[in-house]
PDB file of N, CA and C in Angstrom:
ATOM      1  N   UNK A   1       7.553  -2.218  26.189  1.00  0.00           N
ATOM      2  CA  UNK A   1       7.894  -0.995  25.490  1.00  0.00           C
ATOM      3  C   UNK A   1       6.640  -0.142  25.354  1.00  0.00           C
ATOM      4  N   UNK A   2       6.750   1.103  25.760  1.00  0.00           N
ATOM      5  CA  UNK A   2       5.609   2.027  25.607  1.00  0.00           C
ATOM      6  C   UNK A   2       5.673   2.664  24.239  1.00  0.00           C
ATOM      7  N   UNK A   3       4.583   2.534  23.467  1.00  0.00           N
ATOM      8  CA  UNK A   3       4.576   3.030  22.111  1.00  0.00           C
ATOM      9  C   UNK A   3       4.211   4.505  21.984  1.00  0.00           C
ATOM     10  N   UNK A   4       3.451   5.018  22.931  1.00  0.00           N
ATOM     11  CA  UNK A   4       3.078   6.421  22.858  1.00  0.00           C
ATOM     12  C   UNK A   4       2.903   6.966  24.267  1.00  0.00           C
ATOM     13  N   UNK A   5       3.515   8.090  24.528  1.00  0.00           N
ATOM     14  CA  UNK A   5       3.445   8.685  25.849  1.00  0.00           C
ATOM     15  C   UNK A   5       2.248   9.576  26.039  1.00  0.00           C
ATOM     16  N   UNK A   6       1.566   9.957  24.955  1.00  0.00           N
ATOM     17  CA  UNK A   6       0.505  10.919  25.045  1.00  0.00           C
ATOM     18  C   UNK A   6      -0.861  10.347  25.356  1.00  0.00           C
ATOM     19  N   UNK A   7      -0.953   9.027  25.427  1.00  0.00           N
ATOM     20  CA  UNK A   7      -2.235   8.370  25.743  1.00  0.00           C
ATOM     21  C   UNK A   7      -3.221   8.409  24.576  1.00  0.00           C
ATOM     22  N   UNK A   8      -2.795   8.708  23.369  1.00  0.00           N
ATOM     23  CA  UNK A   8      -3.659   8.783  22.218  1.00  0.00           C
ATOM     24  C   UNK A   8      -3.527   7.506  21.411  1.00  0.00           C
ATOM     25  N   UNK A   9      -4.665   6.960  20.970  1.00  0.00           N
ATOM     26  CA  UNK A   9      -4.644   5.762  20.122  1.00  0.00           C
ATOM     27  C   UNK A   9      -3.923   6.013  18.820  1.00  0.00           C
ATOM     28  N   UNK A  10      -4.165   7.209  18.235  1.00  0.00           N
ATOM     29  CA  UNK A  10      -3.531   7.540  16.970  1.00  0.00           C
ATOM     30  C   UNK A  10      -2.018   7.628  17.116  1.00  0.00           C
ATOM     31  N   UNK A  11      -1.554   8.207  18.186  1.00  0.00           N
ATOM     32  CA  UNK A  11      -0.098   8.327  18.409  1.00  0.00           C
ATOM     33  C   UNK A  11       0.513   6.910  18.635  1.00  0.00           C
ATOM     34  N   UNK A  12      -0.242   6.078  19.342  1.00  0.00           N
ATOM     35  CA  UNK A  12       0.251   4.717  19.572  1.00  0.00           C
ATOM     36  C   UNK A  12       0.367   3.937  18.251  1.00  0.00           C
ATOM     37  N   UNK A  13      -0.628   4.101  17.386  1.00  0.00           N
ATOM     38  CA  UNK A  13      -0.605   3.426  16.084  1.00  0.00           C
ATOM     39  C   UNK A  13       0.570   3.955  15.264  1.00  0.00           C
ATOM     40  N   UNK A  14       0.745   5.254  15.232  1.00  0.00           N
ATOM     41  CA  UNK A  14       1.855   5.868  14.488  1.00  0.00           C
ATOM     42  C   UNK A  14       3.200   5.402  15.013  1.00  0.00           C
ATOM     43  N   UNK A  15       3.322   5.342  16.327  1.00  0.00           N
ATOM     44  CA  UNK A  15       4.597   4.882  16.940  1.00  0.00           C
ATOM     45  C   UNK A  15       4.826   3.414  16.630  1.00  0.00           C
ATOM     46  N   UNK A  16       3.766   2.595  16.695  1.00  0.00           N
ATOM     47  CA  UNK A  16       3.902   1.167  16.403  1.00  0.00           C
ATOM     48  C   UNK A  16       4.360   0.949  14.967  1.00  0.00           C
ATOM     49  N   UNK A  17       3.735   1.687  14.026  1.00  0.00           N
ATOM     50  CA  UNK A  17       4.077   1.542  12.615  1.00  0.00           C
ATOM     51  C   UNK A  17       5.519   2.005  12.376  1.00  0.00           C
ATOM     52  N   UNK A  18       5.899   3.145  12.938  1.00  0.00           N
ATOM     53  CA  UNK A  18       7.260   3.640  12.751  1.00  0.00           C
ATOM     54  C   UNK A  18       8.271   2.668  13.303  1.00  0.00           C
ATOM     55  N   UNK A  19       8.025   2.139  14.508  1.00  0.00           N
ATOM     56  CA  UNK A  19       8.940   1.163  15.112  1.00  0.00           C
ATOM     57  C   UNK A  19       9.025  -0.098  14.259  1.00  0.00           C
ATOM     58  N   UNK A  20       7.892  -0.590  13.774  1.00  0.00           N
ATOM     59  CA  UNK A  20       7.862  -1.766  12.942  1.00  0.00           C
ATOM     60  C   UNK A  20       8.621  -1.535  11.645  1.00  0.00           C
ATOM     61  N   UNK A  21       8.440  -0.379  11.037  1.00  0.00           N
ATOM     62  CA  UNK A  21       9.103  -0.082   9.772  1.00  0.00           C
ATOM     63  C   UNK A  21      10.605  -0.015   9.943  1.00  0.00           C
ATOM     64  N   UNK A  22      11.074   0.518  11.067  1.00  0.00           N
ATOM     65  CA  UNK A  22      12.513   0.647  11.309  1.00  0.00           C
ATOM     66  C   UNK A  22      13.158  -0.641  11.790  1.00  0.00           C
ATOM     67  N   UNK A  23      12.336  -1.562  12.262  1.00  0.00           N
ATOM     68  CA  UNK A  23      12.844  -2.800  12.885  1.00  0.00           C
ATOM     69  C   UNK A  23      13.509  -3.674  11.831  1.00  0.00           C
ATOM     70  N   UNK A  24      14.626  -4.285  12.231  1.00  0.00           N
ATOM     71  CA  UNK A  24      15.304  -5.228  11.356  1.00  0.00           C
ATOM     72  C   UNK A  24      14.622  -6.594  11.402  1.00  0.00           C
ATOM     73  N   UNK A  25      14.007  -6.939  12.529  1.00  0.00           N
ATOM     74  CA  UNK A  25      13.283  -8.204  12.669  1.00  0.00           C
ATOM     75  C   UNK A  25      11.846  -7.876  12.969  1.00  0.00           C
ATOM     76  N   UNK A  26      11.061  -7.754  11.903  1.00  0.00           N
ATOM     77  CA  UNK A  26       9.667  -7.318  12.056  1.00  0.00           C
ATOM     78  C   UNK A  26       8.785  -8.259  12.864  1.00  0.00           C
ATOM     79  N   UNK A  27       9.000  -9.565  12.690  1.00  0.00           N
ATOM     80  CA  UNK A  27       8.192 -10.530  13.446  1.00  0.00           C
ATOM     81  C   UNK A  27       8.503 -10.472  14.924  1.00  0.00           C
ATOM     82  N   UNK A  28       9.755 -10.299  15.271  1.00  0.00           N
ATOM     83  CA  UNK A  28      10.138 -10.162  16.688  1.00  0.00           C
ATOM     84  C   UNK A  28       9.594  -8.884  17.259  1.00  0.00           C
ATOM     85  N   UNK A  29       9.644  -7.799  16.511  1.00  0.00           N
ATOM     86  CA  UNK A  29       9.070  -6.539  16.963  1.00  0.00           C
ATOM     87  C   UNK A  29       7.594  -6.683  17.252  1.00  0.00           C
ATOM     88  N   UNK A  30       6.875  -7.379  16.348  1.00  0.00           N
ATOM     89  CA  UNK A  30       5.440  -7.555  16.532  1.00  0.00           C
ATOM     90  C   UNK A  30       5.172  -8.392  17.803  1.00  0.00           C
ATOM     91  N   UNK A  31       5.953  -9.450  17.988  1.00  0.00           N
ATOM     92  CA  UNK A  31       5.759 -10.306  19.155  1.00  0.00           C
ATOM     93  C   UNK A  31       6.036  -9.546  20.465  1.00  0.00           C
ATOM     94  N   UNK A  32       7.093  -8.749  20.475  1.00  0.00           N
ATOM     95  CA  UNK A  32       7.448  -8.003  21.674  1.00  0.00           C
ATOM     96  C   UNK A  32       6.436  -6.916  22.022  1.00  0.00           C
ATOM     97  N   UNK A  33       5.743  -6.393  20.992  1.00  0.00           N
ATOM     98  CA  UNK A  33       4.813  -5.296  21.194  1.00  0.00           C
ATOM     99  C   UNK A  33       3.353  -5.705  21.018  1.00  0.00           C
ATOM    100  N   UNK A  34       3.102  -7.018  20.991  1.00  0.00           N
ATOM    101  CA  UNK A  34       1.749  -7.561  20.883  1.00  0.00           C
ATOM    102  C   UNK A  34       1.002  -6.997  19.642  1.00  0.00           C
ATOM    103  N   UNK A  35       1.700  -7.013  18.527  1.00  0.00           N
ATOM    104  CA  UNK A  35       1.146  -6.511  17.249  1.00  0.00           C
ATOM    105  C   UNK A  35       0.977  -7.688  16.300  1.00  0.00           C
ATOM    106  N   UNK A  36       0.028  -7.593  15.415  1.00  0.00           N
ATOM    107  CA  UNK A  36      -0.201  -8.611  14.392  1.00  0.00           C
ATOM    108  C   UNK A  36       0.562  -8.187  13.133  1.00  0.00           C
ATOM    109  N   UNK A  37       1.444  -9.046  12.651  1.00  0.00           N
ATOM    110  CA  UNK A  37       2.222  -8.683  11.475  1.00  0.00           C
ATOM    111  C   UNK A  37       1.355  -8.442  10.242  1.00  0.00           C
ATOM    112  N   UNK A  38       0.236  -9.194  10.132  1.00  0.00           N
ATOM    113  CA  UNK A  38      -0.681  -9.004   9.023  1.00  0.00           C
ATOM    114  C   UNK A  38      -1.301  -7.587   9.025  1.00  0.00           C
ATOM    115  N   UNK A  39      -1.595  -7.100  10.223  1.00  0.00           N
ATOM    116  CA  UNK A  39      -2.143  -5.755  10.371  1.00  0.00           C
ATOM    117  C   UNK A  39      -1.108  -4.719   9.998  1.00  0.00           C
ATOM    118  N   UNK A  40       0.147  -4.931  10.403  1.00  0.00           N
ATOM    119  CA  UNK A  40       1.197  -3.990  10.069  1.00  0.00           C
ATOM    120  C   UNK A  40       1.439  -3.974   8.563  1.00  0.00           C
ATOM    121  N   UNK A  41       1.404  -5.147   7.931  1.00  0.00           N
ATOM    122  CA  UNK A  41       1.541  -5.191   6.456  1.00  0.00           C
ATOM    123  C   UNK A  41       0.388  -4.496   5.762  1.00  0.00           C
ATOM    124  N   UNK A  42      -0.838  -4.708   6.300  1.00  0.00           N
ATOM    125  CA  UNK A  42      -1.997  -4.005   5.716  1.00  0.00           C
ATOM    126  C   UNK A  42      -1.884  -2.502   5.861  1.00  0.00           C
ATOM    127  N   UNK A  43      -1.368  -2.021   7.009  1.00  0.00           N
ATOM    128  CA  UNK A  43      -1.188  -0.610   7.220  1.00  0.00           C
ATOM    129  C   UNK A  43      -0.188  -0.047   6.222  1.00  0.00           C
ATOM    130  N   UNK A  44       0.869  -0.816   5.953  1.00  0.00           N
ATOM    131  CA  UNK A  44       1.875  -0.384   4.965  1.00  0.00           C
ATOM    132  C   UNK A  44       1.240  -0.269   3.579  1.00  0.00           C
ATOM    133  N   UNK A  45       0.414  -1.254   3.229  1.00  0.00           N
ATOM    134  CA  UNK A  45      -0.267  -1.211   1.938  1.00  0.00           C
ATOM    135  C   UNK A  45      -1.219  -0.011   1.823  1.00  0.00           C
ATOM    136  N   UNK A  46      -1.972   0.258   2.890  1.00  0.00           N
ATOM    137  CA  UNK A  46      -2.862   1.426   2.885  1.00  0.00           C
ATOM    138  C   UNK A  46      -2.082   2.737   2.770  1.00  0.00           C
ATOM    139  N   UNK A  47      -0.953   2.795   3.464  1.00  0.00           N
ATOM    140  CA  UNK A  47      -0.142   3.990   3.416  1.00  0.00           C
ATOM    141  C   UNK A  47       0.382   4.236   2.006  1.00  0.00           C
ATOM    142  N   UNK A  48       0.848   3.160   1.382  1.00  0.00           N
ATOM    143  CA  UNK A  48       1.347   3.277   0.001  1.00  0.00           C
ATOM    144  C   UNK A  48       0.243   3.670  -0.960  1.00  0.00           C
ATOM    145  N   UNK A  49      -0.953   3.093  -0.784  1.00  0.00           N
ATOM    146  CA  UNK A  49      -2.086   3.418  -1.639  1.00  0.00           C
ATOM    147  C   UNK A  49      -2.474   4.883  -1.485  1.00  0.00           C
ATOM    148  N   UNK A  50      -2.502   5.365  -0.252  1.00  0.00           N
ATOM    149  CA  UNK A  50      -2.842   6.757   0.025  1.00  0.00           C
ATOM    150  C   UNK A  50      -1.769   7.668  -0.617  1.00  0.00           C
ATOM    151  N   UNK A  51      -0.501   7.315  -0.463  1.00  0.00           N
ATOM    152  CA  UNK A  51       0.568   8.108  -1.034  1.00  0.00           C
ATOM    153  C   UNK A  51       0.445   8.154  -2.544  1.00  0.00           C
ATOM    154  N   UNK A  52       0.185   7.013  -3.167  1.00  0.00           N
ATOM    155  CA  UNK A  52       0.024   6.947  -4.621  1.00  0.00           C
ATOM    156  C   UNK A  52      -1.131   7.851  -5.087  1.00  0.00           C
ATOM    157  N   UNK A  53      -2.239   7.814  -4.347  1.00  0.00           N
ATOM    158  CA  UNK A  53      -3.398   8.628  -4.699  1.00  0.00           C
ATOM    159  C   UNK A  53      -3.100  10.122  -4.568  1.00  0.00           C
ATOM    160  N   UNK A  54      -2.423  10.482  -3.487  1.00  0.00           N
ATOM    161  CA  UNK A  54      -2.075  11.891  -3.264  1.00  0.00           C
ATOM    162  C   UNK A  54      -1.093  12.397  -4.344  1.00  0.00           C
ATOM    163  N   UNK A  55      -0.153  11.504  -4.743  1.00  0.00           N
ATOM    164  CA  UNK A  55       0.788  11.857  -5.802  1.00  0.00           C
ATOM    165  C   UNK A  55       0.041  12.001  -7.135  1.00  0.00           C
ATOM    166  N   UNK A  56      -0.874  11.062  -7.423  1.00  0.00           N
ATOM    167  CA  UNK A  56      -1.627  11.132  -8.685  1.00  0.00           C
ATOM    168  C   UNK A  56      -2.460  12.401  -8.792  1.00  0.00           C
ATOM    169  N   UNK A  57      -2.962  12.885  -7.666  1.00  0.00           N
ATOM    170  CA  UNK A  57      -3.820  14.081  -7.685  1.00  0.00           C
ATOM    171  C   UNK A  57      -3.046  15.398  -7.477  1.00  0.00           C
ATOM    172  N   UNK A  58      -1.707  15.274  -7.409  1.00  0.00           N
ATOM    173  CA  UNK A  58      -0.871  16.447  -7.336  1.00  0.00           C
ATOM    174  C   UNK A  58      -0.666  17.071  -5.967  1.00  0.00           C
ATOM    175  N   UNK A  59      -1.102  16.367  -4.928  1.00  0.00           N
ATOM    176  CA  UNK A  59      -0.933  16.887  -3.543  1.00  0.00           C
ATOM    177  C   UNK A  59       0.456  16.641  -3.004  1.00  0.00           C
ATOM    178  N   UNK A  60       1.140  15.622  -3.541  1.00  0.00           N
ATOM    179  CA  UNK A  60       2.492  15.316  -3.150  1.00  0.00           C
ATOM    180  C   UNK A  60       3.373  15.264  -4.383  1.00  0.00           C
ATOM    181  N   UNK A  61       4.621  15.660  -4.213  1.00  0.00           N
ATOM    182  CA  UNK A  61       5.574  15.530  -5.317  1.00  0.00           C
ATOM    183  C   UNK A  61       5.897  14.058  -5.480  1.00  0.00           C
ATOM    184  N   UNK A  62       5.908  13.592  -6.694  1.00  0.00           N
ATOM    185  CA  UNK A  62       6.156  12.173  -6.954  1.00  0.00           C
ATOM    186  C   UNK A  62       7.630  11.869  -6.604  1.00  0.00           C
ATOM    187  N   UNK A  63       7.777  10.972  -5.660  1.00  0.00           N
ATOM    188  CA  UNK A  63       9.091  10.555  -5.216  1.00  0.00           C
ATOM    189  C   UNK A  63       9.010   9.063  -4.916  1.00  0.00           C
ATOM    190  N   UNK A  64       9.308   8.242  -5.893  1.00  0.00           N
ATOM    191  CA  UNK A  64       9.162   6.823  -5.743  1.00  0.00           C
ATOM    192  C   UNK A  64      10.525   6.191  -5.488  1.00  0.00           C
ATOM    193  N   UNK A  65      10.692   5.545  -4.327  1.00  0.00           N
ATOM    194  CA  UNK A  65      11.956   4.853  -4.055  1.00  0.00           C
ATOM    195  C   UNK A  65      12.121   3.679  -5.021  1.00  0.00           C
ATOM    196  N   UNK A  66      13.362   3.305  -5.289  1.00  0.00           N
ATOM    197  CA  UNK A  66      13.617   2.221  -6.274  1.00  0.00           C
ATOM    198  C   UNK A  66      12.834   0.947  -5.972  1.00  0.00           C
ATOM    199  N   UNK A  67      12.644   0.594  -4.693  1.00  0.00           N
ATOM    200  CA  UNK A  67      11.955  -0.626  -4.358  1.00  0.00           C
ATOM    201  C   UNK A  67      10.500  -0.611  -4.800  1.00  0.00           C
ATOM    202  N   UNK A  68       9.877   0.588  -4.851  1.00  0.00           N
ATOM    203  CA  UNK A  68       8.475   0.696  -5.258  1.00  0.00           C
ATOM    204  C   UNK A  68       8.323   0.906  -6.757  1.00  0.00           C
ATOM    205  N   UNK A  69       9.391   1.359  -7.416  1.00  0.00           N
ATOM    206  CA  UNK A  69       9.274   1.597  -8.856  1.00  0.00           C
ATOM    207  C   UNK A  69       8.908   0.306  -9.579  1.00  0.00           C
ATOM    208  N   UNK A  70       9.555  -0.775  -9.240  1.00  0.00           N
ATOM    209  CA  UNK A  70       9.269  -2.065  -9.867  1.00  0.00           C
ATOM    210  C   UNK A  70       7.857  -2.483  -9.582  1.00  0.00           C
ATOM    211  N   UNK A  71       7.411  -2.341  -8.318  1.00  0.00           N
ATOM    212  CA  UNK A  71       6.062  -2.706  -7.926  1.00  0.00           C
ATOM    213  C   UNK A  71       5.046  -1.880  -8.697  1.00  0.00           C
ATOM    214  N   UNK A  72       5.293  -0.580  -8.798  1.00  0.00           N
ATOM    215  CA  UNK A  72       4.383   0.311  -9.471  1.00  0.00           C
ATOM    216  C   UNK A  72       4.335  -0.025 -10.972  1.00  0.00           C
ATOM    217  N   UNK A  73       5.510  -0.303 -11.582  1.00  0.00           N
ATOM    218  CA  UNK A  73       5.563  -0.653 -12.983  1.00  0.00           C
ATOM    219  C   UNK A  73       4.750  -1.917 -13.251  1.00  0.00           C
ATOM    220  N   UNK A  74       4.917  -2.923 -12.398  1.00  0.00           N
ATOM    221  CA  UNK A  74       4.169  -4.178 -12.558  1.00  0.00           C
ATOM    222  C   UNK A  74       2.682  -3.946 -12.424  1.00  0.00           C
ATOM    223  N   UNK A  75       2.294  -3.114 -11.468  1.00  0.00           N
ATOM    224  CA  UNK A  75       0.846  -2.818 -11.281  1.00  0.00           C
ATOM    225  C   UNK A  75       0.280  -2.099 -12.505  1.00  0.00           C
ATOM    226  N   UNK A  76       1.054  -1.172 -13.041  1.00  0.00           N
ATOM    227  CA  UNK A  76       0.587  -0.439 -14.238  1.00  0.00           C
ATOM    228  C   UNK A  76       0.436  -1.400 -15.432  1.00  0.00           C
ATOM    229  N   UNK A  77       1.375  -2.322 -15.581  1.00  0.00           N
ATOM    230  CA  UNK A  77       1.284  -3.299 -16.657  1.00  0.00           C
ATOM    231  C   UNK A  77       0.049  -4.176 -16.493  1.00  0.00           C
ATOM    232  N   UNK A  78      -0.220  -4.621 -15.266  1.00  0.00           N
ATOM    233  CA  UNK A  78      -1.418  -5.467 -15.012  1.00  0.00           C
ATOM    234  C   UNK A  78      -2.655  -4.680 -15.366  1.00  0.00           C
ATOM    235  N   UNK A  79      -2.707  -3.407 -14.960  1.00  0.00           N
ATOM    236  CA  UNK A  79      -3.881  -2.586 -15.237  1.00  0.00           C
ATOM    237  C   UNK A  79      -4.072  -2.399 -16.756  1.00  0.00           C
ATOM    238  N   UNK A  80      -2.974  -2.201 -17.482  1.00  0.00           N
ATOM    239  CA  UNK A  80      -3.056  -2.057 -18.932  1.00  0.00           C
ATOM    240  C   UNK A  80      -3.587  -3.365 -19.561  1.00  0.00           C
ATOM    241  N   UNK A  81      -3.106  -4.497 -19.064  1.00  0.00           N
ATOM    242  CA  UNK A  81      -3.546  -5.781 -19.620  1.00  0.00           C
ATOM    243  C   UNK A  81      -5.020  -6.023 -19.304  1.00  0.00           C
ATOM    244  N   UNK A  82      -5.454  -5.672 -18.079  1.00  0.00           N
ATOM    245  CA  UNK A  82      -6.876  -5.828 -17.724  1.00  0.00           C
ATOM    246  C   UNK A  82      -7.725  -4.929 -18.595  1.00  0.00           C
ATOM    247  N   UNK A  83      -7.307  -3.689 -18.791  1.00  0.00           N
ATOM    248  CA  UNK A  83      -8.093  -2.764 -19.638  1.00  0.00           C
ATOM    249  C   UNK A  83      -8.195  -3.286 -21.055  1.00  0.00           C
ATOM    250  N   UNK A  84      -7.112  -3.782 -21.591  1.00  0.00           N
ATOM    251  CA  UNK A  84      -7.128  -4.331 -22.949  1.00  0.00           C
ATOM    252  C   UNK A  84      -8.053  -5.532 -23.053  1.00  0.00           C
ATOM    253  N   UNK A  85      -7.996  -6.406 -22.031  1.00  0.00           N
ATOM    254  CA  UNK A  85      -8.855  -7.586 -22.033  1.00  0.00           C
ATOM    255  C   UNK A  85     -10.322  -7.167 -21.919  1.00  0.00           C
ATOM    256  N   UNK A  86     -10.627  -6.217 -21.084  1.00  0.00           N
ATOM    257  CA  UNK A  86     -12.011  -5.726 -20.934  1.00  0.00           C
ATOM    258  C   UNK A  86     -12.514  -5.104 -22.232  1.00  0.00           C
ATOM    259  N   UNK A  87     -11.638  -4.340 -22.874  1.00  0.00           N
ATOM    260  CA  UNK A  87     -12.043  -3.710 -24.128  1.00  0.00           C
ATOM    261  C   UNK A  87     -12.312  -4.746 -25.212  1.00  0.00           C
ATOM    262  N   UNK A  88     -11.460  -5.754 -25.286  1.00  0.00           N
ATOM    263  CA  UNK A  88     -11.644  -6.832 -26.254  1.00  0.00           C
ATOM    264  C   UNK A  88     -12.948  -7.578 -25.960  1.00  0.00           C
ATOM    265  N   UNK A  89     -13.204  -7.851 -24.696  1.00  0.00           N
ATOM    266  CA  UNK A  89     -14.428  -8.550 -24.300  1.00  0.00           C
ATOM    267  C   UNK A  89     -15.652  -7.703 -24.647  1.00  0.00           C
ATOM    268  N   UNK A  90     -15.598  -6.402 -24.377  1.00  0.00           N
ATOM    269  CA  UNK A  90     -16.708  -5.521 -24.666  1.00  0.00           C
ATOM    270  C   UNK A  90     -16.960  -5.454 -26.174  1.00  0.00           C
ATOM    271  N   UNK A  91     -15.922  -5.385 -26.977  1.00  0.00           N
ATOM    272  CA  UNK A  91     -16.094  -5.350 -28.418  1.00  0.00           C
ATOM    273  C   UNK A  91     -16.751  -6.661 -28.926  1.00  0.00           C
ATOM    274  N   UNK A  92     -16.302  -7.772 -28.350  1.00  0.00           N
ATOM    275  CA  UNK A  92     -16.854  -9.051 -28.767  1.00  0.00           C
ATOM    276  C   UNK A  92     -18.326  -9.132 -28.384  1.00  0.00           C
ATOM    277  N   UNK A  93     -18.687  -8.688 -27.237  1.00  0.00           N
ATOM    278  CA  UNK A  93     -20.094  -8.698 -26.801  1.00  0.00           C
ATOM    279  C   UNK A  93     -20.922  -7.789 -27.667  1.00  0.00           C
ATOM    280  N   UNK A  94     -20.386  -6.624 -28.013  1.00  0.00           N
ATOM    281  CA  UNK A  94     -21.102  -5.680 -28.830  1.00  0.00           C
ATOM    282  C   UNK A  94     -21.321  -6.259 -30.243  1.00  0.00           C
ATOM    283  N   UNK A  95     -20.315  -6.908 -30.756  1.00  0.00           N
ATOM    284  CA  UNK A  95     -20.429  -7.523 -32.106  1.00  0.00           C
ATOM    285  C   UNK A  95     -21.449  -8.629 -32.110  1.00  0.00           C
ATOM    286  N   UNK A  96     -21.530  -9.439 -31.040  1.00  0.00           N
ATOM    287  CA  UNK A  96     -22.481 -10.522 -30.985  1.00  0.00           C
ATOM    288  C   UNK A  96     -23.904 -10.020 -30.799  1.00  0.00           C
ATOM    289  N   UNK A  97     -24.039  -8.862 -30.156  1.00  0.00           N
ATOM    290  CA  UNK A  97     -25.359  -8.299 -29.897  1.00  0.00           C
ATOM    291  C   UNK A  97     -26.019  -7.781 -31.163  1.00  0.00           C
ATOM    292  N   UNK A  98     -25.233  -7.443 -32.166  1.00  0.00           N
ATOM    293  CA  UNK A  98     -25.793  -6.885 -33.412  1.00  0.00           C
ATOM    294  C   UNK A  98     -26.507  -7.894 -34.207  1.00  0.00           C
TER     295      UNK A  98
END
């Protein structure tokens, strides 16, 4: 299967990702097209991170599909818990330093 007709690496990567995303059997798609599934998953993660950053900075309208809402909610909760733990730790260190 030819992934890009233009001879461009960027077009080939975009075509590979699009095909992988649309595929019902992602591991078979990777095997047929000599792609590493870990790399495709990493690309998906980077794409989501970039989209989140662009949305947060107002470059994109926020449009979160239901499957990502849960993931985003869980990530926000983890961040809140980490921040609270760091704040508690910092207060304790500051109190001990006095």
